[in-house]
Amino acid sequence: MNRINPVYLPFVGAWKLVASEFKQADGTSTFPLGAQPQGRIFYSAQGQMAAQLMRPDRPNLRANDVSATAVADLKAAFDGYTAYFGAYTIDTAAAQVTHHVEGSLLPNWIGKDLVRFYEFSADGRVLTLSTPPMGPEDARVVGLLVWERLDE
């Protein structure tokens, strides 16, 4: 019988994306997935995860056959979508969850570790994940993703 690591329990289940924001060092914010982003993240009790995030206002492709679609149309569809999966580990002392990417829409992420700081709401129904500061020294940003639990 598989024993569940109790550290995983607060994460286990399905979560719905409710906010996605990049905070700039100067205090301004951008919303790369739009004002009403869509997405799901799933954490298993066995230490596996999968995430899909999208901007809902992406334009439809003009061709029904993807092989006949213009590069510009594919770029517009690709730019507003992120998906990846892999194992995850938790460092409770640092309040960090690390996603160990095994497969991704973004090839450069495969084999990478995506570290996220985490915080749960008091009732455990909201999970906020934030990135370490990213980008060049003079233009650092912190990504924030807010997830709402879908299941009990």
C-alpha atoms as a PDB file:
ATOM      1  CA  MET A   1       0.000   0.000   0.000  1.00  0.00           C
ATOM      2  CA  ASN A   2       1.288   3.486  -0.905  1.00  0.00           C
ATOM      3  CA  ARG A   3       1.706   5.757   2.081  1.00  0.00           C
ATOM      4  CA  ILE A   4       0.808   9.366   1.476  1.00  0.00           C
ATOM      5  CA  ASN A   5       3.383  11.895   2.571  1.00  0.00           C
ATOM      6  CA  PRO A   6       1.377  14.178   4.911  1.00  0.00           C
ATOM      7  CA  VAL A   7       3.296  17.202   3.608  1.00  0.00           C
ATOM      8  CA  TYR A   8       1.486  16.748   0.255  1.00  0.00           C
ATOM      9  CA  LEU A   9      -2.017  16.746   1.749  1.00  0.00           C
ATOM     10  CA  PRO A  10      -2.745  20.505   1.600  1.00  0.00           C
ATOM     11  CA  PHE A  11      -1.852  20.471  -2.125  1.00  0.00           C
ATOM     12  CA  VAL A  12      -3.590  17.262  -3.209  1.00  0.00           C
ATOM     13  CA  GLY A  13      -6.506  17.775  -5.565  1.00  0.00           C
ATOM     14  CA  ALA A  14      -7.653  19.984  -8.405  1.00  0.00           C
ATOM     15  CA  TRP A  15      -7.311  23.768  -8.408  1.00  0.00           C
ATOM     16  CA  LYS A  16      -8.840  26.443 -10.680  1.00  0.00           C
ATOM     17  CA  LEU A  17      -6.803  29.487 -11.717  1.00  0.00           C
ATOM     18  CA  VAL A  18      -8.483  32.722 -10.606  1.00  0.00           C
ATOM     19  CA  ALA A  19      -5.671  35.274 -11.058  1.00  0.00           C
ATOM     20  CA  SER A  20      -2.349  35.602 -12.865  1.00  0.00           C
ATOM     21  CA  GLU A  21      -0.196  38.689 -12.418  1.00  0.00           C
ATOM     22  CA  PHE A  22       3.399  39.787 -12.972  1.00  0.00           C
ATOM     23  CA  LYS A  23       4.438  42.447 -10.447  1.00  0.00           C
ATOM     24  CA  GLN A  24       7.214  44.762 -11.607  1.00  0.00           C
ATOM     25  CA  ALA A  25       9.882  46.136  -9.258  1.00  0.00           C
ATOM     26  CA  ASP A  26       8.321  49.608  -9.597  1.00  0.00           C
ATOM     27  CA  GLY A  27       4.974  48.321  -8.285  1.00  0.00           C
ATOM     28  CA  THR A  28       3.143  48.161 -11.613  1.00  0.00           C
ATOM     29  CA  SER A  29       1.476  44.971 -12.745  1.00  0.00           C
ATOM     30  CA  THR A  30       0.872  43.190 -16.027  1.00  0.00           C
ATOM     31  CA  PHE A  31      -1.574  40.387 -16.690  1.00  0.00           C
ATOM     32  CA  PRO A  32      -0.056  38.053 -19.304  1.00  0.00           C
ATOM     33  CA  LEU A  33      -3.068  35.742 -19.292  1.00  0.00           C
ATOM     34  CA  GLY A  34      -5.608  38.572 -19.288  1.00  0.00           C
ATOM     35  CA  ALA A  35      -8.039  39.804 -16.665  1.00  0.00           C
ATOM     36  CA  GLN A  36      -9.858  36.478 -16.400  1.00  0.00           C
ATOM     37  CA  PRO A  37      -7.268  33.729 -16.911  1.00  0.00           C
ATOM     38  CA  GLN A  38      -8.279  30.100 -17.099  1.00  0.00           C
ATOM     39  CA  GLY A  39      -6.357  27.098 -15.903  1.00  0.00           C
ATOM     40  CA  ARG A  40      -6.107  24.007 -13.787  1.00  0.00           C
ATOM     41  CA  ILE A  41      -3.368  22.560 -11.660  1.00  0.00           C
ATOM     42  CA  PHE A  42      -3.529  19.049 -10.270  1.00  0.00           C
ATOM     43  CA  TYR A  43      -1.438  17.646  -7.444  1.00  0.00           C
ATOM     44  CA  SER A  44      -1.515  13.917  -6.639  1.00  0.00           C
ATOM     45  CA  ALA A  45      -0.846  12.334  -3.276  1.00  0.00           C
ATOM     46  CA  GLN A  46       2.013  10.413  -4.920  1.00  0.00           C
ATOM     47  CA  GLY A  47       3.975  13.576  -5.792  1.00  0.00           C
ATOM     48  CA  GLN A  48       2.896  14.117  -9.402  1.00  0.00           C
ATOM     49  CA  MET A  49       1.474  17.336 -10.848  1.00  0.00           C
ATOM     50  CA  ALA A  50       0.170  18.824 -14.083  1.00  0.00           C
ATOM     51  CA  ALA A  51      -0.738  22.403 -14.962  1.00  0.00           C
ATOM     52  CA  GLN A  52      -2.440  24.134 -17.875  1.00  0.00           C
ATOM     53  CA  LEU A  53      -2.939  27.894 -18.040  1.00  0.00           C
ATOM     54  CA  MET A  54      -4.411  30.027 -20.798  1.00  0.00           C
ATOM     55  CA  ARG A  55      -5.551  33.438 -21.845  1.00  0.00           C
ATOM     56  CA  PRO A  56      -9.218  32.851 -22.816  1.00  0.00           C
ATOM     57  CA  ASP A  57      -9.340  35.545 -25.510  1.00  0.00           C
ATOM     58  CA  ARG A  58      -6.899  33.848 -27.890  1.00  0.00           C
ATOM     59  CA  PRO A  59      -8.123  34.136 -31.502  1.00  0.00           C
ATOM     60  CA  ASN A  60      -9.442  31.064 -33.267  1.00  0.00           C
ATOM     61  CA  LEU A  61      -7.240  29.618 -35.978  1.00  0.00           C
ATOM     62  CA  ARG A  62      -8.396  30.643 -39.452  1.00  0.00           C
ATOM     63  CA  ALA A  63      -7.839  27.187 -40.914  1.00  0.00           C
ATOM     64  CA  ASN A  64      -9.546  24.072 -39.603  1.00  0.00           C
ATOM     65  CA  ASP A  65      -6.454  22.063 -40.537  1.00  0.00           C
ATOM     66  CA  VAL A  66      -3.599  22.939 -38.155  1.00  0.00           C
ATOM     67  CA  SER A  67      -1.035  21.950 -40.786  1.00  0.00           C
ATOM     68  CA  ALA A  68      -2.428  24.687 -43.055  1.00  0.00           C
ATOM     69  CA  THR A  69      -2.397  27.358 -40.352  1.00  0.00           C
ATOM     70  CA  ALA A  70      -0.208  30.431 -40.798  1.00  0.00           C
ATOM     71  CA  VAL A  71       2.777  30.782 -38.487  1.00  0.00           C
ATOM     72  CA  ALA A  72       1.394  34.070 -37.122  1.00  0.00           C
ATOM     73  CA  ASP A  73      -1.859  32.338 -36.119  1.00  0.00           C
ATOM     74  CA  LEU A  74       0.042  29.533 -34.399  1.00  0.00           C
ATOM     75  CA  LYS A  75       2.165  32.096 -32.552  1.00  0.00           C
ATOM     76  CA  ALA A  76      -0.949  33.885 -31.260  1.00  0.00           C
ATOM     77  CA  ALA A  77      -2.391  30.570 -30.004  1.00  0.00           C
ATOM     78  CA  PHE A  78       0.922  29.489 -28.469  1.00  0.00           C
ATOM     79  CA  ASP A  79       1.641  32.826 -26.750  1.00  0.00           C
ATOM     80  CA  GLY A  80      -1.438  32.570 -24.574  1.00  0.00           C
ATOM     81  CA  TYR A  81      -1.029  28.980 -23.383  1.00  0.00           C
ATOM     82  CA  THR A  82       1.277  27.109 -21.015  1.00  0.00           C
ATOM     83  CA  ALA A  83       1.154  23.443 -20.063  1.00  0.00           C
ATOM     84  CA  TYR A  84       3.560  21.160 -18.228  1.00  0.00           C
ATOM     85  CA  PHE A  85       3.730  18.114 -15.965  1.00  0.00           C
ATOM     86  CA  GLY A  86       6.097  16.228 -13.703  1.00  0.00           C
ATOM     87  CA  ALA A  87       6.887  15.406 -10.099  1.00  0.00           C
ATOM     88  CA  TYR A  88       6.725  17.909  -7.267  1.00  0.00           C
ATOM     89  CA  THR A  89       8.439  18.255  -3.915  1.00  0.00           C
ATOM     90  CA  ILE A  90       7.695  20.476  -0.956  1.00  0.00           C
ATOM     91  CA  ASP A  91      10.049  22.300   1.412  1.00  0.00           C
ATOM     92  CA  THR A  92       7.813  23.339   4.304  1.00  0.00           C
ATOM     93  CA  ALA A  93      10.588  25.264   6.081  1.00  0.00           C
ATOM     94  CA  ALA A  94      10.999  27.546   3.048  1.00  0.00           C
ATOM     95  CA  ALA A  95       7.287  27.429   2.068  1.00  0.00           C
ATOM     96  CA  GLN A  96       8.345  26.282  -1.406  1.00  0.00           C
ATOM     97  CA  VAL A  97       6.897  23.787  -3.834  1.00  0.00           C
ATOM     98  CA  THR A  98       9.169  22.745  -6.682  1.00  0.00           C
ATOM     99  CA  HIS A  99       7.718  21.458  -9.941  1.00  0.00           C
ATOM    100  CA  HIS A 100      10.237  19.096 -11.575  1.00  0.00           C
ATOM    101  CA  VAL A 101       9.248  19.503 -15.233  1.00  0.00           C
ATOM    102  CA  GLU A 102       9.252  16.281 -17.253  1.00  0.00           C
ATOM    103  CA  GLY A 103       7.156  17.486 -20.207  1.00  0.00           C
ATOM    104  CA  SER A 104       6.130  20.948 -21.348  1.00  0.00           C
ATOM    105  CA  LEU A 105       4.701  22.977 -24.195  1.00  0.00           C
ATOM    106  CA  LEU A 106       7.828  25.103 -23.683  1.00  0.00           C
ATOM    107  CA  PRO A 107      10.741  22.815 -24.621  1.00  0.00           C
ATOM    108  CA  ASN A 108      13.220  24.881 -22.568  1.00  0.00           C
ATOM    109  CA  TRP A 109      11.354  23.967 -19.367  1.00  0.00           C
ATOM    110  CA  ILE A 110      11.849  20.201 -19.796  1.00  0.00           C
ATOM    111  CA  GLY A 111      14.275  19.016 -17.141  1.00  0.00           C
ATOM    112  CA  LYS A 112      14.011  22.291 -15.196  1.00  0.00           C
ATOM    113  CA  ASP A 113      12.875  22.847 -11.634  1.00  0.00           C
ATOM    114  CA  LEU A 114      10.257  25.580 -11.250  1.00  0.00           C
ATOM    115  CA  VAL A 115      10.386  26.862  -7.670  1.00  0.00           C
ATOM    116  CA  ARG A 116       7.270  28.531  -6.307  1.00  0.00           C
ATOM    117  CA  PHE A 117       6.683  30.034  -2.878  1.00  0.00           C
ATOM    118  CA  TYR A 118       3.308  28.981  -1.548  1.00  0.00           C
ATOM    119  CA  GLU A 119       0.711  30.315   0.845  1.00  0.00           C
ATOM    120  CA  PHE A 120      -2.678  28.830   1.706  1.00  0.00           C
ATOM    121  CA  SER A 121      -5.690  30.783   2.893  1.00  0.00           C
ATOM    122  CA  ALA A 122      -6.770  30.057   6.462  1.00  0.00           C
ATOM    123  CA  ASP A 123      -9.473  27.657   5.237  1.00  0.00           C
ATOM    124  CA  GLY A 124      -7.152  25.949   2.720  1.00  0.00           C
ATOM    125  CA  ARG A 125      -9.417  26.796  -0.224  1.00  0.00           C
ATOM    126  CA  VAL A 126      -7.045  29.298  -1.892  1.00  0.00           C
ATOM    127  CA  LEU A 127      -3.444  28.609  -2.870  1.00  0.00           C
ATOM    128  CA  THR A 128      -1.167  31.463  -3.917  1.00  0.00           C
ATOM    129  CA  LEU A 129       2.031  30.561  -5.754  1.00  0.00           C
ATOM    130  CA  SER A 130       4.712  33.163  -6.433  1.00  0.00           C
ATOM    131  CA  THR A 131       7.931  32.914  -8.379  1.00  0.00           C
ATOM    132  CA  PRO A 132      11.310  34.056  -7.189  1.00  0.00           C
ATOM    133  CA  PRO A 133      12.229  37.385  -8.858  1.00  0.00           C
ATOM    134  CA  MET A 134      12.810  36.791 -12.584  1.00  0.00           C
ATOM    135  CA  GLY A 135      14.455  38.692 -15.413  1.00  0.00           C
ATOM    136  CA  PRO A 136      17.360  41.095 -15.702  1.00  0.00           C
ATOM    137  CA  GLU A 137      18.529  42.936 -12.580  1.00  0.00           C
ATOM    138  CA  ASP A 138      17.074  46.245 -13.778  1.00  0.00           C
ATOM    139  CA  ALA A 139      13.655  44.779 -14.648  1.00  0.00           C
ATOM    140  CA  ARG A 140      12.834  42.103 -12.069  1.00  0.00           C
ATOM    141  CA  VAL A 141       9.294  40.700 -11.976  1.00  0.00           C
ATOM    142  CA  VAL A 142       7.527  38.314  -9.619  1.00  0.00           C
ATOM    143  CA  GLY A 143       4.796  36.107 -11.010  1.00  0.00           C
ATOM    144  CA  LEU A 144       1.735  35.462  -8.850  1.00  0.00           C
ATOM    145  CA  LEU A 145      -0.812  32.728  -9.514  1.00  0.00           C
ATOM    146  CA  VAL A 146      -3.908  32.411  -7.346  1.00  0.00           C
ATOM    147  CA  TRP A 147      -5.703  29.059  -7.366  1.00  0.00           C
ATOM    148  CA  GLU A 148      -9.050  28.078  -5.832  1.00  0.00           C
ATOM    149  CA  ARG A 149      -9.690  24.489  -4.729  1.00  0.00           C
ATOM    150  CA  LEU A 150     -12.191  22.638  -6.919  1.00  0.00           C
ATOM    151  CA  ASP A 151     -12.641  19.539  -4.801  1.00  0.00           C
ATOM    152  CA  GLU A 152     -12.766  18.547  -1.167  1.00  0.00           C
END
